[in-house]
Amino acid sequence: MTSSTHPIFGSTPIPRYVQLADLFRQRIAKGYWPPGTLVPSIEQLMEEFDVARVTVRQAIALLAEEGLLSPQRGRGTFVTEKSGTKRRLRVETTLEDLVEMYRGDKPDLSNITESIASPTLTDKDGKPAPKYFHMRRVHSRDGERYCVISIYIDHRVFRRAPARFRREVILPILTSLPGVVIARARQSLTISSADVETASLLGIPVNAPVAEVRRVLSAPDGTVIYLAEVTYRGDYIHLDMDLKP
């Protein structure tokens, strides 16, 4: 191909095999290529996506490294059983449901940084606490990293259970502490793409789809006692809404 503009992939600087691998990954995640099935041949994929043989091979090799595809000499490439075991995280719309979803959840937590730092708050969020404890960490399950989260907790609340806050999922602790009253809770979700740092932390390609969730919990006097900025792998989020007729 002599033109730099591709009919499917355009002219972005992202390597074409990385973009192709992401398309394959989405087909697997959405069940178009179920676990155990034989994917189309290299020749068929070359024709469908208008790419060179080496591009298809590189994309398959990338997903083989992730454990999603299994190339077998003389038989073709198969979708592995691993692809069907991914746990999807529901995006809940009430605090009670959100806390219940996390109750008993025990992902592997890897703390990246801890510090005393203040979050950036808007007028809608509420008023700041005198001091915040800040943690940034990565959550993983079965060896697969699925989110990176930046957490700010009112220091007066944090010091009541510092060991638990460091090693457990935050919301069930926060809502069960005696005397801690949550009067207001807000959550927003934005679809975005992974930057270089996020891609490295989550083990996904740069510009892969991600979901950015921002949660704010406030006390009765309007003080923000908890703020979390979470970036999830795009294939780990499931949004299900009841629509009022």
C-alpha atoms as a PDB file:
ATOM      1  CA  MET A   1       0.000   0.000   0.000  1.00  0.00           C
ATOM      2  CA  THR A   2       1.539   3.300  -1.063  1.00  0.00           C
ATOM      3  CA  SER A   3      -0.934   5.659   0.604  1.00  0.00           C
ATOM      4  CA  SER A   4      -0.499   6.503   4.288  1.00  0.00           C
ATOM      5  CA  THR A   5      -4.256   6.789   4.748  1.00  0.00           C
ATOM      6  CA  HIS A   6      -5.921   3.425   5.335  1.00  0.00           C
ATOM      7  CA  PRO A   7      -9.668   2.930   4.634  1.00  0.00           C
ATOM      8  CA  ILE A   8     -10.176   1.429   8.104  1.00  0.00           C
ATOM      9  CA  PHE A   9      -7.307   2.638  10.283  1.00  0.00           C
ATOM     10  CA  GLY A  10      -6.783   6.103   8.810  1.00  0.00           C
ATOM     11  CA  SER A  11      -3.396   7.771   9.154  1.00  0.00           C
ATOM     12  CA  THR A  12      -2.813   7.741  12.926  1.00  0.00           C
ATOM     13  CA  PRO A  13       0.745   7.170  14.220  1.00  0.00           C
ATOM     14  CA  ILE A  14      -0.400   4.075  16.143  1.00  0.00           C
ATOM     15  CA  PRO A  15       1.146   0.971  14.519  1.00  0.00           C
ATOM     16  CA  ARG A  16      -1.360  -0.768  12.297  1.00  0.00           C
ATOM     17  CA  TYR A  17      -0.864  -4.149  13.952  1.00  0.00           C
ATOM     18  CA  VAL A  18      -1.720  -2.598  17.352  1.00  0.00           C
ATOM     19  CA  GLN A  19      -4.960  -1.211  15.928  1.00  0.00           C
ATOM     20  CA  LEU A  20      -5.737  -4.543  14.305  1.00  0.00           C
ATOM     21  CA  ALA A  21      -5.063  -6.380  17.572  1.00  0.00           C
ATOM     22  CA  ASP A  22      -7.512  -4.053  19.307  1.00  0.00           C
ATOM     23  CA  LEU A  23     -10.203  -4.914  16.749  1.00  0.00           C
ATOM     24  CA  PHE A  24      -9.543  -8.618  17.343  1.00  0.00           C
ATOM     25  CA  ARG A  25      -9.653  -8.022  21.098  1.00  0.00           C
ATOM     26  CA  GLN A  26     -13.068  -6.377  20.775  1.00  0.00           C
ATOM     27  CA  ARG A  27     -14.411  -9.262  18.713  1.00  0.00           C
ATOM     28  CA  ILE A  28     -13.323 -11.628  21.466  1.00  0.00           C
ATOM     29  CA  ALA A  29     -14.712  -9.441  24.266  1.00  0.00           C
ATOM     30  CA  LYS A  30     -18.084  -9.067  22.532  1.00  0.00           C
ATOM     31  CA  GLY A  31     -18.366 -12.783  21.857  1.00  0.00           C
ATOM     32  CA  TYR A  32     -18.111 -12.573  18.069  1.00  0.00           C
ATOM     33  CA  TRP A  33     -15.165 -14.931  18.419  1.00  0.00           C
ATOM     34  CA  PRO A  34     -16.194 -17.189  21.333  1.00  0.00           C
ATOM     35  CA  PRO A  35     -13.645 -19.193  23.356  1.00  0.00           C
ATOM     36  CA  GLY A  36     -12.495 -22.337  21.569  1.00  0.00           C
ATOM     37  CA  THR A  37     -13.409 -21.171  18.085  1.00  0.00           C
ATOM     38  CA  LEU A  38     -11.104 -20.976  15.072  1.00  0.00           C
ATOM     39  CA  VAL A  39     -10.570 -17.402  13.888  1.00  0.00           C
ATOM     40  CA  PRO A  40     -10.550 -16.612  10.159  1.00  0.00           C
ATOM     41  CA  SER A  41      -7.392 -17.503   8.279  1.00  0.00           C
ATOM     42  CA  ILE A  42      -4.581 -15.030   7.790  1.00  0.00           C
ATOM     43  CA  GLU A  43      -5.567 -14.662   4.147  1.00  0.00           C
ATOM     44  CA  GLN A  44      -9.177 -13.885   5.082  1.00  0.00           C
ATOM     45  CA  LEU A  45      -8.087 -11.316   7.651  1.00  0.00           C
ATOM     46  CA  MET A  46      -5.681  -9.736   5.159  1.00  0.00           C
ATOM     47  CA  GLU A  47      -8.533  -9.298   2.706  1.00  0.00           C
ATOM     48  CA  GLU A  48     -11.085  -8.098   5.275  1.00  0.00           C
ATOM     49  CA  PHE A  49      -8.843  -5.439   6.797  1.00  0.00           C
ATOM     50  CA  ASP A  50      -6.734  -4.616   3.730  1.00  0.00           C
ATOM     51  CA  VAL A  51      -3.416  -5.205   5.511  1.00  0.00           C
ATOM     52  CA  ALA A  52      -0.222  -7.119   4.854  1.00  0.00           C
ATOM     53  CA  ARG A  53       0.422 -10.651   6.085  1.00  0.00           C
ATOM     54  CA  VAL A  54       3.048  -9.433   8.550  1.00  0.00           C
ATOM     55  CA  THR A  55       0.499  -7.038  10.116  1.00  0.00           C
ATOM     56  CA  VAL A  56      -1.949  -9.875  10.772  1.00  0.00           C
ATOM     57  CA  ARG A  57       0.812 -12.076  12.184  1.00  0.00           C
ATOM     58  CA  GLN A  58       2.002  -9.297  14.510  1.00  0.00           C
ATOM     59  CA  ALA A  59      -1.550  -8.663  15.754  1.00  0.00           C
ATOM     60  CA  ILE A  60      -2.090 -12.360  16.433  1.00  0.00           C
ATOM     61  CA  ALA A  61       1.276 -12.600  18.198  1.00  0.00           C
ATOM     62  CA  LEU A  62       0.334  -9.661  20.434  1.00  0.00           C
ATOM     63  CA  LEU A  63      -2.927 -11.320  21.516  1.00  0.00           C
ATOM     64  CA  ALA A  64      -1.141 -14.638  21.931  1.00  0.00           C
ATOM     65  CA  GLU A  65       1.159 -12.916  24.449  1.00  0.00           C
ATOM     66  CA  GLU A  66      -1.962 -11.734  26.298  1.00  0.00           C
ATOM     67  CA  GLY A  67      -3.289 -15.283  26.330  1.00  0.00           C
ATOM     68  CA  LEU A  68      -6.347 -14.474  24.191  1.00  0.00           C
ATOM     69  CA  LEU A  69      -5.309 -16.340  21.036  1.00  0.00           C
ATOM     70  CA  SER A  70      -3.492 -19.615  20.527  1.00  0.00           C
ATOM     71  CA  PRO A  71      -1.806 -20.112  17.112  1.00  0.00           C
ATOM     72  CA  GLN A  72      -1.424 -23.837  16.390  1.00  0.00           C
ATOM     73  CA  ARG A  73       0.786 -25.045  13.561  1.00  0.00           C
ATOM     74  CA  GLY A  74      -1.210 -26.739  10.836  1.00  0.00           C
ATOM     75  CA  ARG A  75      -4.555 -26.039  12.517  1.00  0.00           C
ATOM     76  CA  GLY A  76      -4.931 -22.248  12.607  1.00  0.00           C
ATOM     77  CA  THR A  77      -5.462 -19.787  15.427  1.00  0.00           C
ATOM     78  CA  PHE A  78      -7.962 -20.459  18.207  1.00  0.00           C
ATOM     79  CA  VAL A  79      -9.567 -18.229  20.819  1.00  0.00           C
ATOM     80  CA  THR A  80      -8.463 -19.439  24.243  1.00  0.00           C
ATOM     81  CA  GLU A  81     -10.755 -20.286  27.126  1.00  0.00           C
ATOM     82  CA  LYS A  82      -9.230 -17.413  29.111  1.00  0.00           C
ATOM     83  CA  SER A  83     -11.218 -14.897  27.101  1.00  0.00           C
ATOM     84  CA  GLY A  84     -14.472 -16.053  28.601  1.00  0.00           C
ATOM     85  CA  THR A  85     -13.372 -15.717  32.211  1.00  0.00           C
ATOM     86  CA  LYS A  86     -13.034 -11.928  32.376  1.00  0.00           C
ATOM     87  CA  ARG A  87     -15.124 -10.380  35.113  1.00  0.00           C
ATOM     88  CA  ARG A  88     -16.990  -7.292  34.014  1.00  0.00           C
ATOM     89  CA  LEU A  89     -17.555  -4.513  36.494  1.00  0.00           C
ATOM     90  CA  ARG A  90     -21.091  -3.141  36.543  1.00  0.00           C
ATOM     91  CA  VAL A  91     -21.554   0.604  36.699  1.00  0.00           C
ATOM     92  CA  GLU A  92     -24.109   1.032  39.469  1.00  0.00           C
ATOM     93  CA  THR A  93     -26.355   4.081  39.834  1.00  0.00           C
ATOM     94  CA  THR A  94     -26.975   4.068  43.598  1.00  0.00           C
ATOM     95  CA  LEU A  95     -24.451   4.197  46.423  1.00  0.00           C
ATOM     96  CA  GLU A  96     -26.098   1.227  48.146  1.00  0.00           C
ATOM     97  CA  ASP A  97     -25.760  -0.954  45.034  1.00  0.00           C
ATOM     98  CA  LEU A  98     -22.192   0.226  44.464  1.00  0.00           C
ATOM     99  CA  VAL A  99     -21.141  -0.618  48.011  1.00  0.00           C
ATOM    100  CA  GLU A 100     -22.897  -3.983  47.842  1.00  0.00           C
ATOM    101  CA  MET A 101     -21.064  -4.825  44.614  1.00  0.00           C
ATOM    102  CA  TYR A 102     -17.722  -4.130  46.313  1.00  0.00           C
ATOM    103  CA  ARG A 103     -18.573  -5.836  49.594  1.00  0.00           C
ATOM    104  CA  GLY A 104     -16.505  -8.992  49.876  1.00  0.00           C
ATOM    105  CA  ASP A 105     -14.554  -8.115  46.732  1.00  0.00           C
ATOM    106  CA  LYS A 106     -10.858  -8.794  47.267  1.00  0.00           C
ATOM    107  CA  PRO A 107      -8.793  -7.759  44.256  1.00  0.00           C
ATOM    108  CA  ASP A 108      -5.015  -7.623  44.461  1.00  0.00           C
ATOM    109  CA  LEU A 109      -4.015  -4.073  45.378  1.00  0.00           C
ATOM    110  CA  SER A 110      -0.658  -2.568  44.431  1.00  0.00           C
ATOM    111  CA  ASN A 111      -0.014   0.830  45.988  1.00  0.00           C
ATOM    112  CA  ILE A 112       2.004   3.123  43.726  1.00  0.00           C
ATOM    113  CA  THR A 113       2.167   6.252  45.876  1.00  0.00           C
ATOM    114  CA  GLU A 114       0.933   7.582  49.203  1.00  0.00           C
ATOM    115  CA  SER A 115       1.009  11.211  50.261  1.00  0.00           C
ATOM    116  CA  ILE A 116      -0.782  14.110  51.876  1.00  0.00           C
ATOM    117  CA  ALA A 117      -2.332  15.892  48.908  1.00  0.00           C
ATOM    118  CA  SER A 118      -5.521  17.764  48.076  1.00  0.00           C
ATOM    119  CA  PRO A 119      -7.836  16.854  45.199  1.00  0.00           C
ATOM    120  CA  THR A 120      -9.069  19.328  42.615  1.00  0.00           C
ATOM    121  CA  LEU A 121     -12.663  20.074  43.551  1.00  0.00           C
ATOM    122  CA  THR A 122     -15.396  21.925  41.675  1.00  0.00           C
ATOM    123  CA  ASP A 123     -18.169  24.005  43.183  1.00  0.00           C
ATOM    124  CA  LYS A 124     -20.575  21.098  42.618  1.00  0.00           C
ATOM    125  CA  ASP A 125     -18.389  18.698  44.601  1.00  0.00           C
ATOM    126  CA  GLY A 126     -18.565  20.500  47.948  1.00  0.00           C
ATOM    127  CA  LYS A 127     -16.059  22.077  50.290  1.00  0.00           C
ATOM    128  CA  PRO A 128     -12.617  20.624  50.989  1.00  0.00           C
ATOM    129  CA  ALA A 129     -11.589  18.908  54.197  1.00  0.00           C
ATOM    130  CA  PRO A 130      -8.650  20.419  56.106  1.00  0.00           C
ATOM    131  CA  LYS A 131      -6.341  17.635  54.922  1.00  0.00           C
ATOM    132  CA  TYR A 132      -6.538  14.549  52.693  1.00  0.00           C
ATOM    133  CA  PHE A 133      -4.666  11.271  52.589  1.00  0.00           C
ATOM    134  CA  HIS A 134      -3.955  10.333  48.984  1.00  0.00           C
ATOM    135  CA  MET A 135      -3.327   6.840  47.586  1.00  0.00           C
ATOM    136  CA  ARG A 136      -2.738   5.792  44.012  1.00  0.00           C
ATOM    137  CA  ARG A 137      -2.900   2.102  43.260  1.00  0.00           C
ATOM    138  CA  VAL A 138      -3.601  -0.563  40.673  1.00  0.00           C
ATOM    139  CA  HIS A 139      -6.256  -3.234  41.104  1.00  0.00           C
ATOM    140  CA  SER A 140      -5.827  -6.640  39.492  1.00  0.00           C
ATOM    141  CA  ARG A 141      -7.541  -9.999  39.502  1.00  0.00           C
ATOM    142  CA  ASP A 142      -6.068 -13.351  38.452  1.00  0.00           C
ATOM    143  CA  GLY A 143      -2.926 -11.535  37.385  1.00  0.00           C
ATOM    144  CA  GLU A 144      -4.790  -9.119  35.105  1.00  0.00           C
ATOM    145  CA  ARG A 145      -4.662  -5.409  35.892  1.00  0.00           C
ATOM    146  CA  TYR A 146      -8.043  -3.795  35.307  1.00  0.00           C
ATOM    147  CA  CYS A 147      -7.978  -0.329  36.874  1.00  0.00           C
ATOM    148  CA  VAL A 148      -5.722   2.382  38.239  1.00  0.00           C
ATOM    149  CA  ILE A 149      -7.283   4.519  40.945  1.00  0.00           C
ATOM    150  CA  SER A 150      -6.399   7.772  42.667  1.00  0.00           C
ATOM    151  CA  ILE A 151      -8.120   8.081  46.072  1.00  0.00           C
ATOM    152  CA  TYR A 152      -8.445  11.070  48.387  1.00  0.00           C
ATOM    153  CA  ILE A 153      -9.843  10.473  51.896  1.00  0.00           C
ATOM    154  CA  ASP A 154     -10.542  13.087  54.536  1.00  0.00           C
ATOM    155  CA  HIS A 155      -7.552  12.576  56.843  1.00  0.00           C
ATOM    156  CA  ARG A 156      -9.781  12.644  59.913  1.00  0.00           C
ATOM    157  CA  VAL A 157     -11.612   9.641  58.492  1.00  0.00           C
ATOM    158  CA  PHE A 158      -8.512   7.882  57.189  1.00  0.00           C
ATOM    159  CA  ARG A 159      -6.730   7.861  60.552  1.00  0.00           C
ATOM    160  CA  ARG A 160      -9.616   5.895  62.083  1.00  0.00           C
ATOM    161  CA  ALA A 161      -8.724   2.773  60.071  1.00  0.00           C
ATOM    162  CA  PRO A 162      -5.439   3.380  58.192  1.00  0.00           C
ATOM    163  CA  ALA A 163      -4.410  -0.273  57.898  1.00  0.00           C
ATOM    164  CA  ARG A 164      -7.772  -1.306  56.455  1.00  0.00           C
ATOM    165  CA  PHE A 165      -7.900   1.622  54.027  1.00  0.00           C
ATOM    166  CA  ARG A 166      -4.468   0.629  52.727  1.00  0.00           C
ATOM    167  CA  ARG A 167      -5.227  -3.045  52.126  1.00  0.00           C
ATOM    168  CA  GLU A 168      -8.965  -3.219  51.342  1.00  0.00           C
ATOM    169  CA  VAL A 169     -11.497  -1.795  48.894  1.00  0.00           C
ATOM    170  CA  ILE A 170     -12.444   1.616  50.287  1.00  0.00           C
ATOM    171  CA  LEU A 171     -16.218   2.074  49.952  1.00  0.00           C
ATOM    172  CA  PRO A 172     -17.388  -0.792  52.216  1.00  0.00           C
ATOM    173  CA  ILE A 173     -15.039   0.466  54.948  1.00  0.00           C
ATOM    174  CA  LEU A 174     -16.095   4.078  54.536  1.00  0.00           C
ATOM    175  CA  THR A 175     -19.811   3.329  54.734  1.00  0.00           C
ATOM    176  CA  SER A 176     -19.457   1.090  57.790  1.00  0.00           C
ATOM    177  CA  LEU A 177     -17.399   3.337  60.054  1.00  0.00           C
ATOM    178  CA  PRO A 178     -19.458   4.535  63.052  1.00  0.00           C
ATOM    179  CA  GLY A 179     -20.124   8.255  62.953  1.00  0.00           C
ATOM    180  CA  VAL A 180     -19.290   8.673  59.268  1.00  0.00           C
ATOM    181  CA  VAL A 181     -22.434   9.933  57.522  1.00  0.00           C
ATOM    182  CA  ILE A 182     -22.588  10.202  53.736  1.00  0.00           C
ATOM    183  CA  ALA A 183     -25.237  12.730  52.788  1.00  0.00           C
ATOM    184  CA  ARG A 184     -24.457  12.980  49.081  1.00  0.00           C
ATOM    185  CA  ALA A 185     -22.805  10.741  46.513  1.00  0.00           C
ATOM    186  CA  ARG A 186     -22.119  11.482  42.853  1.00  0.00           C
ATOM    187  CA  GLN A 187     -20.506   9.469  40.089  1.00  0.00           C
ATOM    188  CA  SER A 188     -19.680  10.338  36.495  1.00  0.00           C
ATOM    189  CA  LEU A 189     -18.336   8.154  33.674  1.00  0.00           C
ATOM    190  CA  THR A 190     -16.413   9.315  30.618  1.00  0.00           C
ATOM    191  CA  ILE A 191     -15.172   7.179  27.735  1.00  0.00           C
ATOM    192  CA  SER A 192     -11.604   8.060  26.844  1.00  0.00           C
ATOM    193  CA  SER A 193      -8.373   6.498  25.585  1.00  0.00           C
ATOM    194  CA  ALA A 194      -5.310   5.305  27.477  1.00  0.00           C
ATOM    195  CA  ASP A 195      -2.333   7.618  27.652  1.00  0.00           C
ATOM    196  CA  VAL A 196       1.208   6.276  27.816  1.00  0.00           C
ATOM    197  CA  GLU A 197       1.331   6.006  31.627  1.00  0.00           C
ATOM    198  CA  THR A 198      -2.110   4.390  31.971  1.00  0.00           C
ATOM    199  CA  ALA A 199      -1.366   1.955  29.166  1.00  0.00           C
ATOM    200  CA  SER A 200       1.838   0.926  30.903  1.00  0.00           C
ATOM    201  CA  LEU A 201       0.146   0.485  34.298  1.00  0.00           C
ATOM    202  CA  LEU A 202      -2.740  -1.568  32.892  1.00  0.00           C
ATOM    203  CA  GLY A 203      -0.774  -3.478  30.273  1.00  0.00           C
ATOM    204  CA  ILE A 204      -2.890  -2.270  27.356  1.00  0.00           C
ATOM    205  CA  PRO A 205      -1.994  -0.481  24.099  1.00  0.00           C
ATOM    206  CA  VAL A 206      -1.670   3.304  24.052  1.00  0.00           C
ATOM    207  CA  ASN A 207      -5.004   4.832  22.950  1.00  0.00           C
ATOM    208  CA  ALA A 208      -6.940   1.683  23.867  1.00  0.00           C
ATOM    209  CA  PRO A 209     -10.452   2.532  25.104  1.00  0.00           C
ATOM    210  CA  VAL A 210     -10.801   3.199  28.831  1.00  0.00           C
ATOM    211  CA  ALA A 211     -13.611   4.317  31.116  1.00  0.00           C
ATOM    212  CA  GLU A 212     -12.844   7.165  33.506  1.00  0.00           C
ATOM    213  CA  VAL A 213     -15.048   7.169  36.604  1.00  0.00           C
ATOM    214  CA  ARG A 214     -15.094   9.988  39.153  1.00  0.00           C
ATOM    215  CA  ARG A 215     -16.810   9.411  42.526  1.00  0.00           C
ATOM    216  CA  VAL A 216     -17.436  12.061  45.162  1.00  0.00           C
ATOM    217  CA  LEU A 217     -18.908  11.441  48.624  1.00  0.00           C
ATOM    218  CA  SER A 218     -19.828  14.320  50.904  1.00  0.00           C
ATOM    219  CA  ALA A 219     -20.761  14.713  54.570  1.00  0.00           C
ATOM    220  CA  PRO A 220     -23.942  16.482  55.754  1.00  0.00           C
ATOM    221  CA  ASP A 221     -22.055  19.784  56.063  1.00  0.00           C
ATOM    222  CA  GLY A 222     -20.931  19.544  52.435  1.00  0.00           C
ATOM    223  CA  THR A 223     -17.352  18.479  53.155  1.00  0.00           C
ATOM    224  CA  VAL A 224     -15.956  16.095  50.551  1.00  0.00           C
ATOM    225  CA  ILE A 225     -14.781  13.120  52.581  1.00  0.00           C
ATOM    226  CA  TYR A 226     -13.897  10.852  49.647  1.00  0.00           C
ATOM    227  CA  LEU A 227     -12.972  11.408  46.026  1.00  0.00           C
ATOM    228  CA  ALA A 228     -11.846   8.689  43.640  1.00  0.00           C
ATOM    229  CA  GLU A 229     -10.669   9.032  40.063  1.00  0.00           C
ATOM    230  CA  VAL A 230     -10.636   5.585  38.488  1.00  0.00           C
ATOM    231  CA  THR A 231      -9.491   4.524  35.039  1.00  0.00           C
ATOM    232  CA  TYR A 232     -10.820   1.116  33.994  1.00  0.00           C
ATOM    233  CA  ARG A 233      -9.888  -0.993  31.017  1.00  0.00           C
ATOM    234  CA  GLY A 234     -12.633  -0.464  28.472  1.00  0.00           C
ATOM    235  CA  ASP A 235     -13.320  -4.192  28.255  1.00  0.00           C
ATOM    236  CA  TYR A 236     -13.876  -4.393  32.017  1.00  0.00           C
ATOM    237  CA  ILE A 237     -16.847  -2.046  32.278  1.00  0.00           C
ATOM    238  CA  HIS A 238     -20.469  -3.015  31.744  1.00  0.00           C
ATOM    239  CA  LEU A 239     -23.135  -0.292  31.774  1.00  0.00           C
ATOM    240  CA  ASP A 240     -26.715  -1.521  32.183  1.00  0.00           C
ATOM    241  CA  MET A 241     -29.506   1.022  32.697  1.00  0.00           C
ATOM    242  CA  ASP A 242     -33.240   0.770  33.263  1.00  0.00           C
ATOM    243  CA  LEU A 243     -34.913   3.320  30.999  1.00  0.00           C
ATOM    244  CA  LYS A 244     -38.108   4.915  32.239  1.00  0.00           C
ATOM    245  CA  PRO A 245     -40.904   4.633  29.640  1.00  0.00           C
END
